[in-house]
Amino acid sequence: MTITGVLTLGLGTLLVIEQAITPGAMIVATFIQARALAPSMQVVALWQQAMTARAARRRLCEFLATAPAEKQGMALPAPEGALAVENLIQAVPGTDTVVLPGVSFALPPGESLAVIGPSAAGKSSLERTLLGIWPPCAGAVRLHGADMARTPRDQVGQHLGYLPQDVELFEGTVAENIARLGSVDSEKVVGAAKDAGLHDLILHLPKGYDTPLGPGGRGLSPGQRQRIGLAHALYGAPRLVVLDEPNSNLDSDGEAALATALGSLREAGVTTVIITHRANILAAVEKILLLCAGAVEAFGRRDEILPRLTRPAQPSRRAL
């Protein structure tokens, strides 16, 4: 663009000096040249966006290649909450990096489990596998005996509840977000909100359950978004609920509502798995699973595991 402009002005100046054209004609020619090159400049400006879109499409194709399309199988009856993880070996999809070298445990319906461990222990990988986001490399995750990796997602998804650590609400009403952006069943929405201890809080919003939310839940506090996310996870009476740091943004009222919700899930026979770094929520669970470098370091009743975790280190003989 710069070179073309310099050439146009230079040639126009030369023609004006030689009195071949008038100064006004030179200015008009400059405007015509700029208008003629404008479409080309727009193409150049959009080229970076085109390259970004092409790279995103390539990444999407690579991701879809790791999760091939499911074949429609025979419909199974609604599962109970019995969860069994059988010698689960898991690697990051698309790589050979094994993050879970062989995890096994079982939970009967209605039991709650806290998964704890240091950073990079494999907690998030186990969470994604339990939800069926990552297909296992070997072993199986079974809900009421059915292998979740082989069960069509449209059949198993309605029986799962999930609260991520970073709650992402969508643009829509509170009711639509609780109903997982599907058709809003008023009775189920109110029931999920009551189970999450959120009903009274929603009624105090400007339009109650019809209050519109901006992108990402704009207009709500982090604690309110997390509690709506909990109601979202409890919508539709799921049989397995996975909660990732469910009390990270809660105040004392939110903590009390969460404890009440966990008790209600236990009474309803819903199996609950909680990924947590906070010790205060351990009082609300029945079992603890300690992961370290992807391996199970300890698994058992809370009263058996907690003393092992809080036992003070013994001084070495050299120190004595």
C-alpha atoms as a PDB file:
ATOM      1  CA  MET A   1       0.000   0.000   0.000  1.00  0.00           C
ATOM      2  CA  THR A   2       2.859   2.370   0.873  1.00  0.00           C
ATOM      3  CA  ILE A   3       4.806   1.602  -2.302  1.00  0.00           C
ATOM      4  CA  THR A   4       1.731   2.067  -4.473  1.00  0.00           C
ATOM      5  CA  GLY A   5       0.946   5.383  -2.798  1.00  0.00           C
ATOM      6  CA  VAL A   6       4.507   6.644  -3.253  1.00  0.00           C
ATOM      7  CA  LEU A   7       4.521   5.643  -6.929  1.00  0.00           C
ATOM      8  CA  THR A   8       1.138   7.285  -7.529  1.00  0.00           C
ATOM      9  CA  LEU A   9       2.152  10.535  -5.870  1.00  0.00           C
ATOM     10  CA  GLY A  10       5.550  10.498  -7.564  1.00  0.00           C
ATOM     11  CA  LEU A  11       4.119   9.936 -11.019  1.00  0.00           C
ATOM     12  CA  GLY A  12       1.384  12.544 -10.378  1.00  0.00           C
ATOM     13  CA  THR A  13       3.949  15.109  -9.214  1.00  0.00           C
ATOM     14  CA  LEU A  14       6.063  14.508 -12.324  1.00  0.00           C
ATOM     15  CA  LEU A  15       3.037  14.938 -14.605  1.00  0.00           C
ATOM     16  CA  VAL A  16       2.027  18.134 -12.786  1.00  0.00           C
ATOM     17  CA  ILE A  17       5.561  19.572 -13.197  1.00  0.00           C
ATOM     18  CA  GLU A  18       5.428  18.737 -16.889  1.00  0.00           C
ATOM     19  CA  GLN A  19       1.947  20.344 -16.954  1.00  0.00           C
ATOM     20  CA  ALA A  20       0.441  17.137 -18.345  1.00  0.00           C
ATOM     21  CA  ILE A  21      -2.238  17.105 -15.633  1.00  0.00           C
ATOM     22  CA  THR A  22      -3.526  19.505 -13.009  1.00  0.00           C
ATOM     23  CA  PRO A  23      -2.859  19.151  -9.251  1.00  0.00           C
ATOM     24  CA  GLY A  24      -6.560  18.376  -8.792  1.00  0.00           C
ATOM     25  CA  ALA A  25      -6.321  15.430 -11.175  1.00  0.00           C
ATOM     26  CA  MET A  26      -3.378  14.070  -9.161  1.00  0.00           C
ATOM     27  CA  ILE A  27      -5.422  14.197  -5.947  1.00  0.00           C
ATOM     28  CA  VAL A  28      -8.392  12.511  -7.663  1.00  0.00           C
ATOM     29  CA  ALA A  29      -6.094   9.753  -8.960  1.00  0.00           C
ATOM     30  CA  THR A  30      -4.773   9.193  -5.424  1.00  0.00           C
ATOM     31  CA  PHE A  31      -8.326   8.729  -4.070  1.00  0.00           C
ATOM     32  CA  ILE A  32      -9.217   6.350  -6.913  1.00  0.00           C
ATOM     33  CA  GLN A  33      -6.073   4.299  -6.223  1.00  0.00           C
ATOM     34  CA  ALA A  34      -6.930   4.016  -2.504  1.00  0.00           C
ATOM     35  CA  ARG A  35     -10.495   2.896  -3.289  1.00  0.00           C
ATOM     36  CA  ALA A  36      -9.269   0.381  -5.846  1.00  0.00           C
ATOM     37  CA  LEU A  37      -6.861  -1.242  -3.341  1.00  0.00           C
ATOM     38  CA  ALA A  38      -9.311  -1.269  -0.396  1.00  0.00           C
ATOM     39  CA  PRO A  39     -10.770  -4.761  -1.140  1.00  0.00           C
ATOM     40  CA  SER A  40      -7.263  -6.220  -1.387  1.00  0.00           C
ATOM     41  CA  MET A  41      -6.314  -4.653   1.932  1.00  0.00           C
ATOM     42  CA  GLN A  42      -9.415  -6.143   3.565  1.00  0.00           C
ATOM     43  CA  VAL A  43      -8.418  -9.581   2.289  1.00  0.00           C
ATOM     44  CA  VAL A  44      -4.952  -9.134   3.805  1.00  0.00           C
ATOM     45  CA  ALA A  45      -6.466  -8.009   7.111  1.00  0.00           C
ATOM     46  CA  LEU A  46      -8.747 -11.068   7.205  1.00  0.00           C
ATOM     47  CA  TRP A  47      -5.954 -13.483   6.355  1.00  0.00           C
ATOM     48  CA  GLN A  48      -4.861 -13.856   9.987  1.00  0.00           C
ATOM     49  CA  GLN A  49      -8.437 -14.715  11.014  1.00  0.00           C
ATOM     50  CA  ALA A  50      -8.621 -17.272   8.201  1.00  0.00           C
ATOM     51  CA  MET A  51      -5.391 -18.900   9.381  1.00  0.00           C
ATOM     52  CA  THR A  52      -6.654 -18.977  12.982  1.00  0.00           C
ATOM     53  CA  ALA A  53      -9.919 -20.597  11.869  1.00  0.00           C
ATOM     54  CA  ARG A  54      -7.993 -23.164   9.834  1.00  0.00           C
ATOM     55  CA  ALA A  55      -5.825 -24.065  12.845  1.00  0.00           C
ATOM     56  CA  ALA A  56      -8.930 -24.354  15.065  1.00  0.00           C
ATOM     57  CA  ARG A  57     -10.586 -26.667  12.527  1.00  0.00           C
ATOM     58  CA  ARG A  58      -7.478 -28.852  12.460  1.00  0.00           C
ATOM     59  CA  ARG A  59      -7.450 -29.119  16.275  1.00  0.00           C
ATOM     60  CA  LEU A  60     -11.164 -29.943  16.282  1.00  0.00           C
ATOM     61  CA  CYS A  61     -10.659 -32.714  13.717  1.00  0.00           C
ATOM     62  CA  GLU A  62      -7.797 -34.141  15.791  1.00  0.00           C
ATOM     63  CA  PHE A  63      -9.976 -34.104  18.900  1.00  0.00           C
ATOM     64  CA  LEU A  64     -12.911 -35.787  17.143  1.00  0.00           C
ATOM     65  CA  ALA A  65     -10.540 -38.442  15.796  1.00  0.00           C
ATOM     66  CA  THR A  66      -9.699 -39.459  19.388  1.00  0.00           C
ATOM     67  CA  ALA A  67     -13.421 -39.894  20.201  1.00  0.00           C
ATOM     68  CA  PRO A  68     -15.071 -41.689  17.265  1.00  0.00           C
ATOM     69  CA  ALA A  69     -18.809 -41.501  16.726  1.00  0.00           C
ATOM     70  CA  GLU A  70     -20.859 -43.799  18.948  1.00  0.00           C
ATOM     71  CA  LYS A  71     -22.993 -46.583  17.609  1.00  0.00           C
ATOM     72  CA  GLN A  72     -26.547 -46.601  18.823  1.00  0.00           C
ATOM     73  CA  GLY A  73     -26.945 -49.492  21.239  1.00  0.00           C
ATOM     74  CA  MET A  74     -29.897 -51.089  22.970  1.00  0.00           C
ATOM     75  CA  ALA A  75     -31.543 -48.895  25.584  1.00  0.00           C
ATOM     76  CA  LEU A  76     -30.827 -49.951  29.176  1.00  0.00           C
ATOM     77  CA  PRO A  77     -33.036 -49.413  32.225  1.00  0.00           C
ATOM     78  CA  ALA A  78     -32.333 -46.468  34.502  1.00  0.00           C
ATOM     79  CA  PRO A  79     -29.245 -47.296  36.589  1.00  0.00           C
ATOM     80  CA  GLU A  80     -28.872 -47.273  40.321  1.00  0.00           C
ATOM     81  CA  GLY A  81     -25.952 -45.492  41.901  1.00  0.00           C
ATOM     82  CA  ALA A  82     -23.558 -48.444  42.207  1.00  0.00           C
ATOM     83  CA  LEU A  83     -20.172 -47.301  40.853  1.00  0.00           C
ATOM     84  CA  ALA A  84     -17.272 -49.660  40.120  1.00  0.00           C
ATOM     85  CA  VAL A  85     -13.863 -48.699  38.752  1.00  0.00           C
ATOM     86  CA  GLU A  86     -12.032 -51.794  37.572  1.00  0.00           C
ATOM     87  CA  ASN A  87      -8.262 -51.631  37.010  1.00  0.00           C
ATOM     88  CA  LEU A  88      -8.587 -48.312  35.213  1.00  0.00           C
ATOM     89  CA  ILE A  89      -5.621 -47.318  33.072  1.00  0.00           C
ATOM     90  CA  GLN A  90      -5.872 -43.853  31.601  1.00  0.00           C
ATOM     91  CA  ALA A  91      -3.630 -41.729  29.400  1.00  0.00           C
ATOM     92  CA  VAL A  92      -4.094 -38.207  28.116  1.00  0.00           C
ATOM     93  CA  PRO A  93      -6.033 -38.626  24.833  1.00  0.00           C
ATOM     94  CA  GLY A  94      -3.785 -38.389  21.819  1.00  0.00           C
ATOM     95  CA  THR A  95      -0.606 -39.057  23.815  1.00  0.00           C
ATOM     96  CA  ASP A  96       1.185 -41.962  25.467  1.00  0.00           C
ATOM     97  CA  THR A  97       1.385 -40.198  28.845  1.00  0.00           C
ATOM     98  CA  VAL A  98      -0.202 -42.554  31.382  1.00  0.00           C
ATOM     99  CA  VAL A  99      -1.772 -40.604  34.254  1.00  0.00           C
ATOM    100  CA  LEU A 100      -3.689 -43.430  35.963  1.00  0.00           C
ATOM    101  CA  PRO A 101      -1.655 -46.666  35.959  1.00  0.00           C
ATOM    102  CA  GLY A 102      -4.369 -48.873  37.466  1.00  0.00           C
ATOM    103  CA  VAL A 103      -7.117 -47.551  39.743  1.00  0.00           C
ATOM    104  CA  SER A 104      -9.761 -49.770  41.309  1.00  0.00           C
ATOM    105  CA  PHE A 105     -12.500 -49.048  43.841  1.00  0.00           C
ATOM    106  CA  ALA A 106     -16.233 -49.550  44.265  1.00  0.00           C
ATOM    107  CA  LEU A 107     -19.078 -47.592  45.844  1.00  0.00           C
ATOM    108  CA  PRO A 108     -22.560 -48.904  46.608  1.00  0.00           C
ATOM    109  CA  PRO A 109     -25.579 -46.696  45.900  1.00  0.00           C
ATOM    110  CA  GLY A 110     -25.826 -43.670  48.166  1.00  0.00           C
ATOM    111  CA  GLU A 111     -22.208 -43.581  49.353  1.00  0.00           C
ATOM    112  CA  SER A 112     -20.093 -40.461  49.078  1.00  0.00           C
ATOM    113  CA  LEU A 113     -16.389 -40.423  48.275  1.00  0.00           C
ATOM    114  CA  ALA A 114     -13.814 -37.649  48.579  1.00  0.00           C
ATOM    115  CA  VAL A 115     -10.898 -37.887  46.143  1.00  0.00           C
ATOM    116  CA  ILE A 116      -7.865 -36.082  47.542  1.00  0.00           C
ATOM    117  CA  GLY A 117      -4.195 -35.821  46.740  1.00  0.00           C
ATOM    118  CA  PRO A 118      -1.473 -33.355  45.753  1.00  0.00           C
ATOM    119  CA  SER A 119      -1.437 -31.430  42.500  1.00  0.00           C
ATOM    120  CA  ALA A 120      -0.913 -33.577  39.376  1.00  0.00           C
ATOM    121  CA  ALA A 121      -2.010 -36.659  41.336  1.00  0.00           C
ATOM    122  CA  GLY A 122      -4.543 -37.657  38.654  1.00  0.00           C
ATOM    123  CA  LYS A 123      -7.721 -36.342  40.284  1.00  0.00           C
ATOM    124  CA  SER A 124      -8.908 -34.412  37.214  1.00  0.00           C
ATOM    125  CA  SER A 125      -8.087 -37.352  34.937  1.00  0.00           C
ATOM    126  CA  LEU A 126     -10.144 -39.665  37.154  1.00  0.00           C
ATOM    127  CA  GLU A 127     -12.984 -37.126  37.129  1.00  0.00           C
ATOM    128  CA  ARG A 128     -13.030 -36.927  33.328  1.00  0.00           C
ATOM    129  CA  THR A 129     -12.996 -40.707  33.051  1.00  0.00           C
ATOM    130  CA  LEU A 130     -15.826 -41.159  35.557  1.00  0.00           C
ATOM    131  CA  LEU A 131     -17.943 -38.766  33.498  1.00  0.00           C
ATOM    132  CA  GLY A 132     -17.078 -40.519  30.237  1.00  0.00           C
ATOM    133  CA  ILE A 133     -15.301 -37.476  28.783  1.00  0.00           C
ATOM    134  CA  TRP A 134     -12.122 -39.530  28.362  1.00  0.00           C
ATOM    135  CA  PRO A 135     -12.555 -43.148  27.236  1.00  0.00           C
ATOM    136  CA  PRO A 136     -10.308 -45.456  29.314  1.00  0.00           C
ATOM    137  CA  CYS A 137      -7.272 -47.035  27.693  1.00  0.00           C
ATOM    138  CA  ALA A 138      -7.904 -50.212  29.685  1.00  0.00           C
ATOM    139  CA  GLY A 139     -10.214 -51.320  32.458  1.00  0.00           C
ATOM    140  CA  ALA A 140     -13.737 -50.020  32.913  1.00  0.00           C
ATOM    141  CA  VAL A 141     -15.950 -47.561  34.777  1.00  0.00           C
ATOM    142  CA  ARG A 142     -19.285 -49.224  35.469  1.00  0.00           C
ATOM    143  CA  LEU A 143     -22.513 -47.606  36.628  1.00  0.00           C
ATOM    144  CA  HIS A 144     -24.924 -50.251  37.832  1.00  0.00           C
ATOM    145  CA  GLY A 145     -22.830 -52.836  35.982  1.00  0.00           C
ATOM    146  CA  ALA A 146     -22.912 -51.086  32.582  1.00  0.00           C
ATOM    147  CA  ASP A 147     -19.620 -49.977  31.051  1.00  0.00           C
ATOM    148  CA  MET A 148     -20.025 -46.215  30.681  1.00  0.00           C
ATOM    149  CA  ALA A 149     -17.582 -46.072  27.770  1.00  0.00           C
ATOM    150  CA  ARG A 150     -19.866 -48.378  25.758  1.00  0.00           C
ATOM    151  CA  THR A 151     -23.168 -46.859  26.821  1.00  0.00           C
ATOM    152  CA  PRO A 152     -24.554 -44.197  24.420  1.00  0.00           C
ATOM    153  CA  ARG A 153     -24.120 -40.732  25.893  1.00  0.00           C
ATOM    154  CA  ASP A 154     -27.763 -39.799  25.367  1.00  0.00           C
ATOM    155  CA  GLN A 155     -28.691 -42.696  27.660  1.00  0.00           C
ATOM    156  CA  VAL A 156     -26.151 -42.183  30.431  1.00  0.00           C
ATOM    157  CA  GLY A 157     -25.903 -38.370  30.404  1.00  0.00           C
ATOM    158  CA  GLN A 158     -29.289 -37.807  32.027  1.00  0.00           C
ATOM    159  CA  HIS A 159     -28.218 -39.956  34.980  1.00  0.00           C
ATOM    160  CA  LEU A 160     -25.033 -37.960  35.646  1.00  0.00           C
ATOM    161  CA  GLY A 161     -24.636 -34.686  37.514  1.00  0.00           C
ATOM    162  CA  TYR A 162     -21.482 -32.600  37.303  1.00  0.00           C
ATOM    163  CA  LEU A 163     -20.314 -29.432  39.015  1.00  0.00           C
ATOM    164  CA  PRO A 164     -16.998 -28.200  37.549  1.00  0.00           C
ATOM    165  CA  GLN A 165     -14.513 -26.184  39.548  1.00  0.00           C
ATOM    166  CA  ASP A 166     -14.957 -23.196  37.230  1.00  0.00           C
ATOM    167  CA  VAL A 167     -18.702 -22.827  36.771  1.00  0.00           C
ATOM    168  CA  GLU A 168     -19.623 -21.539  33.322  1.00  0.00           C
ATOM    169  CA  LEU A 169     -23.216 -20.348  33.074  1.00  0.00           C
ATOM    170  CA  PHE A 170     -24.766 -19.635  29.703  1.00  0.00           C
ATOM    171  CA  GLU A 171     -26.703 -16.674  28.414  1.00  0.00           C
ATOM    172  CA  GLY A 172     -30.312 -17.384  29.358  1.00  0.00           C
ATOM    173  CA  THR A 173     -32.555 -17.456  32.394  1.00  0.00           C
ATOM    174  CA  VAL A 174     -31.740 -19.028  35.740  1.00  0.00           C
ATOM    175  CA  ALA A 175     -34.292 -21.766  35.029  1.00  0.00           C
ATOM    176  CA  GLU A 176     -32.734 -22.549  31.635  1.00  0.00           C
ATOM    177  CA  ASN A 177     -29.291 -22.862  33.183  1.00  0.00           C
ATOM    178  CA  ILE A 178     -30.553 -25.199  35.885  1.00  0.00           C
ATOM    179  CA  ALA A 179     -32.408 -27.264  33.261  1.00  0.00           C
ATOM    180  CA  ARG A 180     -29.146 -27.778  31.339  1.00  0.00           C
ATOM    181  CA  LEU A 181     -30.421 -25.622  28.456  1.00  0.00           C
ATOM    182  CA  GLY A 182     -33.063 -28.215  27.599  1.00  0.00           C
ATOM    183  CA  SER A 183     -36.808 -27.928  27.905  1.00  0.00           C
ATOM    184  CA  VAL A 184     -37.600 -26.376  31.264  1.00  0.00           C
ATOM    185  CA  ASP A 185     -39.566 -28.671  33.574  1.00  0.00           C
ATOM    186  CA  SER A 186     -40.725 -26.286  36.302  1.00  0.00           C
ATOM    187  CA  GLU A 187     -41.187 -29.013  38.903  1.00  0.00           C
ATOM    188  CA  LYS A 188     -37.712 -30.460  38.310  1.00  0.00           C
ATOM    189  CA  VAL A 189     -36.092 -27.011  38.249  1.00  0.00           C
ATOM    190  CA  VAL A 190     -37.638 -25.996  41.574  1.00  0.00           C
ATOM    191  CA  GLY A 191     -36.809 -29.405  43.054  1.00  0.00           C
ATOM    192  CA  ALA A 192     -33.149 -29.107  42.034  1.00  0.00           C
ATOM    193  CA  ALA A 193     -32.982 -25.573  43.430  1.00  0.00           C
ATOM    194  CA  LYS A 194     -34.465 -26.707  46.739  1.00  0.00           C
ATOM    195  CA  ASP A 195     -32.055 -29.638  46.919  1.00  0.00           C
ATOM    196  CA  ALA A 196     -29.201 -27.162  46.451  1.00  0.00           C
ATOM    197  CA  GLY A 197     -30.636 -24.818  49.101  1.00  0.00           C
ATOM    198  CA  LEU A 198     -31.079 -22.143  46.424  1.00  0.00           C
ATOM    199  CA  HIS A 199     -34.840 -21.708  46.117  1.00  0.00           C
ATOM    200  CA  ASP A 200     -35.212 -18.721  48.468  1.00  0.00           C
ATOM    201  CA  LEU A 201     -32.173 -16.992  46.991  1.00  0.00           C
ATOM    202  CA  ILE A 202     -33.583 -17.314  43.464  1.00  0.00           C
ATOM    203  CA  LEU A 203     -36.958 -15.932  44.556  1.00  0.00           C
ATOM    204  CA  HIS A 204     -35.176 -12.748  45.700  1.00  0.00           C
ATOM    205  CA  LEU A 205     -33.669 -12.172  42.243  1.00  0.00           C
ATOM    206  CA  PRO A 206     -35.362  -9.441  40.143  1.00  0.00           C
ATOM    207  CA  LYS A 207     -37.448 -11.909  38.098  1.00  0.00           C
ATOM    208  CA  GLY A 208     -37.019 -15.067  40.139  1.00  0.00           C
ATOM    209  CA  TYR A 209     -36.360 -18.132  38.000  1.00  0.00           C
ATOM    210  CA  ASP A 210     -36.935 -16.024  34.859  1.00  0.00           C
ATOM    211  CA  THR A 211     -34.065 -13.664  35.693  1.00  0.00           C
ATOM    212  CA  PRO A 212     -31.860 -13.395  32.575  1.00  0.00           C
ATOM    213  CA  LEU A 213     -28.154 -14.026  33.029  1.00  0.00           C
ATOM    214  CA  GLY A 214     -25.407 -12.478  30.940  1.00  0.00           C
ATOM    215  CA  PRO A 215     -22.577 -14.495  29.383  1.00  0.00           C
ATOM    216  CA  GLY A 216     -20.716 -16.468  32.056  1.00  0.00           C
ATOM    217  CA  GLY A 217     -23.364 -15.666  34.659  1.00  0.00           C
ATOM    218  CA  ARG A 218     -22.618 -11.951  34.633  1.00  0.00           C
ATOM    219  CA  GLY A 219     -24.492 -10.196  37.396  1.00  0.00           C
ATOM    220  CA  LEU A 220     -24.047 -12.987  39.962  1.00  0.00           C
ATOM    221  CA  SER A 221     -21.383 -13.411  42.611  1.00  0.00           C
ATOM    222  CA  PRO A 222     -18.990 -16.397  42.363  1.00  0.00           C
ATOM    223  CA  GLY A 223     -20.829 -18.071  45.245  1.00  0.00           C
ATOM    224  CA  GLN A 224     -24.213 -17.643  43.546  1.00  0.00           C
ATOM    225  CA  ARG A 225     -22.833 -19.047  40.280  1.00  0.00           C
ATOM    226  CA  GLN A 226     -21.451 -22.052  42.118  1.00  0.00           C
ATOM    227  CA  ARG A 227     -24.762 -22.745  43.854  1.00  0.00           C
ATOM    228  CA  ILE A 228     -26.658 -22.479  40.548  1.00  0.00           C
ATOM    229  CA  GLY A 229     -24.065 -24.886  39.147  1.00  0.00           C
ATOM    230  CA  LEU A 230     -24.879 -27.282  42.003  1.00  0.00           C
ATOM    231  CA  ALA A 231     -28.599 -27.073  41.180  1.00  0.00           C
ATOM    232  CA  HIS A 232     -27.669 -27.721  37.537  1.00  0.00           C
ATOM    233  CA  ALA A 233     -25.829 -30.882  38.650  1.00  0.00           C
ATOM    234  CA  LEU A 234     -28.797 -32.090  40.716  1.00  0.00           C
ATOM    235  CA  TYR A 235     -31.400 -31.456  37.993  1.00  0.00           C
ATOM    236  CA  GLY A 236     -33.327 -34.512  36.839  1.00  0.00           C
ATOM    237  CA  ALA A 237     -32.530 -36.793  39.823  1.00  0.00           C
ATOM    238  CA  PRO A 238     -29.122 -38.125  38.641  1.00  0.00           C
ATOM    239  CA  ARG A 239     -27.744 -41.377  40.065  1.00  0.00           C
ATOM    240  CA  LEU A 240     -24.071 -40.354  40.034  1.00  0.00           C
ATOM    241  CA  VAL A 241     -22.959 -36.832  40.943  1.00  0.00           C
ATOM    242  CA  VAL A 242     -19.376 -35.613  40.544  1.00  0.00           C
ATOM    243  CA  LEU A 243     -18.463 -32.353  42.301  1.00  0.00           C
ATOM    244  CA  ASP A 244     -15.136 -30.606  41.702  1.00  0.00           C
ATOM    245  CA  GLU A 245     -14.223 -28.271  44.583  1.00  0.00           C
ATOM    246  CA  PRO A 246     -17.917 -27.575  45.297  1.00  0.00           C
ATOM    247  CA  ASN A 247     -17.219 -25.211  48.219  1.00  0.00           C
ATOM    248  CA  SER A 248     -14.399 -23.112  46.748  1.00  0.00           C
ATOM    249  CA  ASN A 249     -16.524 -19.931  46.566  1.00  0.00           C
ATOM    250  CA  LEU A 250     -19.158 -20.588  49.233  1.00  0.00           C
ATOM    251  CA  ASP A 251     -19.799 -18.617  52.397  1.00  0.00           C
ATOM    252  CA  SER A 252     -21.073 -20.164  55.630  1.00  0.00           C
ATOM    253  CA  ASP A 253     -24.669 -20.304  54.352  1.00  0.00           C
ATOM    254  CA  GLY A 254     -23.507 -21.927  51.137  1.00  0.00           C
ATOM    255  CA  GLU A 255     -21.423 -24.458  53.073  1.00  0.00           C
ATOM    256  CA  ALA A 256     -24.458 -25.371  55.185  1.00  0.00           C
ATOM    257  CA  ALA A 257     -26.617 -25.735  52.051  1.00  0.00           C
ATOM    258  CA  LEU A 258     -23.970 -27.964  50.462  1.00  0.00           C
ATOM    259  CA  ALA A 259     -23.833 -30.205  53.542  1.00  0.00           C
ATOM    260  CA  THR A 260     -27.635 -30.493  53.488  1.00  0.00           C
ATOM    261  CA  ALA A 261     -27.569 -31.332  49.766  1.00  0.00           C
ATOM    262  CA  LEU A 262     -24.988 -34.078  50.331  1.00  0.00           C
ATOM    263  CA  GLY A 263     -27.179 -35.551  53.071  1.00  0.00           C
ATOM    264  CA  SER A 264     -30.200 -35.513  50.766  1.00  0.00           C
ATOM    265  CA  LEU A 265     -28.213 -37.268  48.028  1.00  0.00           C
ATOM    266  CA  ARG A 266     -27.178 -39.951  50.480  1.00  0.00           C
ATOM    267  CA  GLU A 267     -30.783 -40.531  51.570  1.00  0.00           C
ATOM    268  CA  ALA A 268     -31.918 -40.719  47.932  1.00  0.00           C
ATOM    269  CA  GLY A 269     -29.306 -43.383  47.141  1.00  0.00           C
ATOM    270  CA  VAL A 270     -27.297 -41.102  44.856  1.00  0.00           C
ATOM    271  CA  THR A 271     -23.596 -41.900  44.687  1.00  0.00           C
ATOM    272  CA  THR A 272     -21.427 -38.786  45.094  1.00  0.00           C
ATOM    273  CA  VAL A 273     -17.770 -38.266  44.199  1.00  0.00           C
ATOM    274  CA  ILE A 274     -16.132 -35.044  45.423  1.00  0.00           C
ATOM    275  CA  ILE A 275     -12.769 -33.791  44.175  1.00  0.00           C
ATOM    276  CA  THR A 276     -11.391 -31.546  46.898  1.00  0.00           C
ATOM    277  CA  HIS A 277      -8.352 -29.979  48.518  1.00  0.00           C
ATOM    278  CA  ARG A 278     -10.297 -28.699  51.537  1.00  0.00           C
ATOM    279  CA  ALA A 279     -10.410 -30.736  54.712  1.00  0.00           C
ATOM    280  CA  ASN A 280     -13.652 -29.245  56.060  1.00  0.00           C
ATOM    281  CA  ILE A 281     -15.794 -31.068  53.490  1.00  0.00           C
ATOM    282  CA  LEU A 282     -14.371 -34.458  54.478  1.00  0.00           C
ATOM    283  CA  ALA A 283     -16.773 -34.566  57.432  1.00  0.00           C
ATOM    284  CA  ALA A 284     -19.671 -34.895  54.951  1.00  0.00           C
ATOM    285  CA  VAL A 285     -18.337 -37.978  53.114  1.00  0.00           C
ATOM    286  CA  GLU A 286     -18.203 -41.643  54.055  1.00  0.00           C
ATOM    287  CA  LYS A 287     -15.086 -42.762  52.198  1.00  0.00           C
ATOM    288  CA  ILE A 288     -11.795 -41.208  51.121  1.00  0.00           C
ATOM    289  CA  LEU A 289      -9.594 -42.048  48.132  1.00  0.00           C
ATOM    290  CA  LEU A 290      -6.020 -40.741  48.275  1.00  0.00           C
ATOM    291  CA  LEU A 291      -4.262 -40.492  44.907  1.00  0.00           C
ATOM    292  CA  CYS A 292      -0.539 -39.934  44.456  1.00  0.00           C
ATOM    293  CA  ALA A 293       1.051 -39.889  40.992  1.00  0.00           C
ATOM    294  CA  GLY A 294      -2.062 -41.592  39.633  1.00  0.00           C
ATOM    295  CA  ALA A 295      -1.880 -44.541  42.026  1.00  0.00           C
ATOM    296  CA  VAL A 296      -4.211 -45.308  44.930  1.00  0.00           C
ATOM    297  CA  GLU A 297      -2.301 -44.654  48.154  1.00  0.00           C
ATOM    298  CA  ALA A 298      -5.278 -45.224  50.446  1.00  0.00           C
ATOM    299  CA  PHE A 299      -8.965 -46.047  50.139  1.00  0.00           C
ATOM    300  CA  GLY A 300     -11.456 -46.776  52.875  1.00  0.00           C
ATOM    301  CA  ARG A 301     -13.836 -45.408  55.452  1.00  0.00           C
ATOM    302  CA  ARG A 302     -13.269 -41.799  56.453  1.00  0.00           C
ATOM    303  CA  ASP A 303     -12.645 -42.697  60.105  1.00  0.00           C
ATOM    304  CA  GLU A 304      -9.917 -45.112  59.022  1.00  0.00           C
ATOM    305  CA  ILE A 305      -8.156 -42.854  56.506  1.00  0.00           C
ATOM    306  CA  LEU A 306      -8.256 -39.490  58.300  1.00  0.00           C
ATOM    307  CA  PRO A 307      -6.045 -40.543  61.261  1.00  0.00           C
ATOM    308  CA  ARG A 308      -3.407 -41.720  58.784  1.00  0.00           C
ATOM    309  CA  LEU A 309      -3.472 -38.378  57.009  1.00  0.00           C
ATOM    310  CA  THR A 310      -3.284 -36.261  60.172  1.00  0.00           C
ATOM    311  CA  ARG A 311      -0.782 -38.423  62.055  1.00  0.00           C
ATOM    312  CA  PRO A 312       2.276 -36.275  62.943  1.00  0.00           C
ATOM    313  CA  ALA A 313       5.564 -37.282  61.416  1.00  0.00           C
ATOM    314  CA  GLN A 314       7.817 -39.318  63.714  1.00  0.00           C
ATOM    315  CA  PRO A 315      11.278 -37.804  64.420  1.00  0.00           C
ATOM    316  CA  SER A 316      14.153 -39.707  62.898  1.00  0.00           C
ATOM    317  CA  ARG A 317      16.619 -41.642  65.060  1.00  0.00           C
ATOM    318  CA  ARG A 318      19.411 -39.330  63.932  1.00  0.00           C
ATOM    319  CA  ALA A 319      17.489 -36.350  65.299  1.00  0.00           C
ATOM    320  CA  LEU A 320      17.031 -38.167  68.606  1.00  0.00           C
END
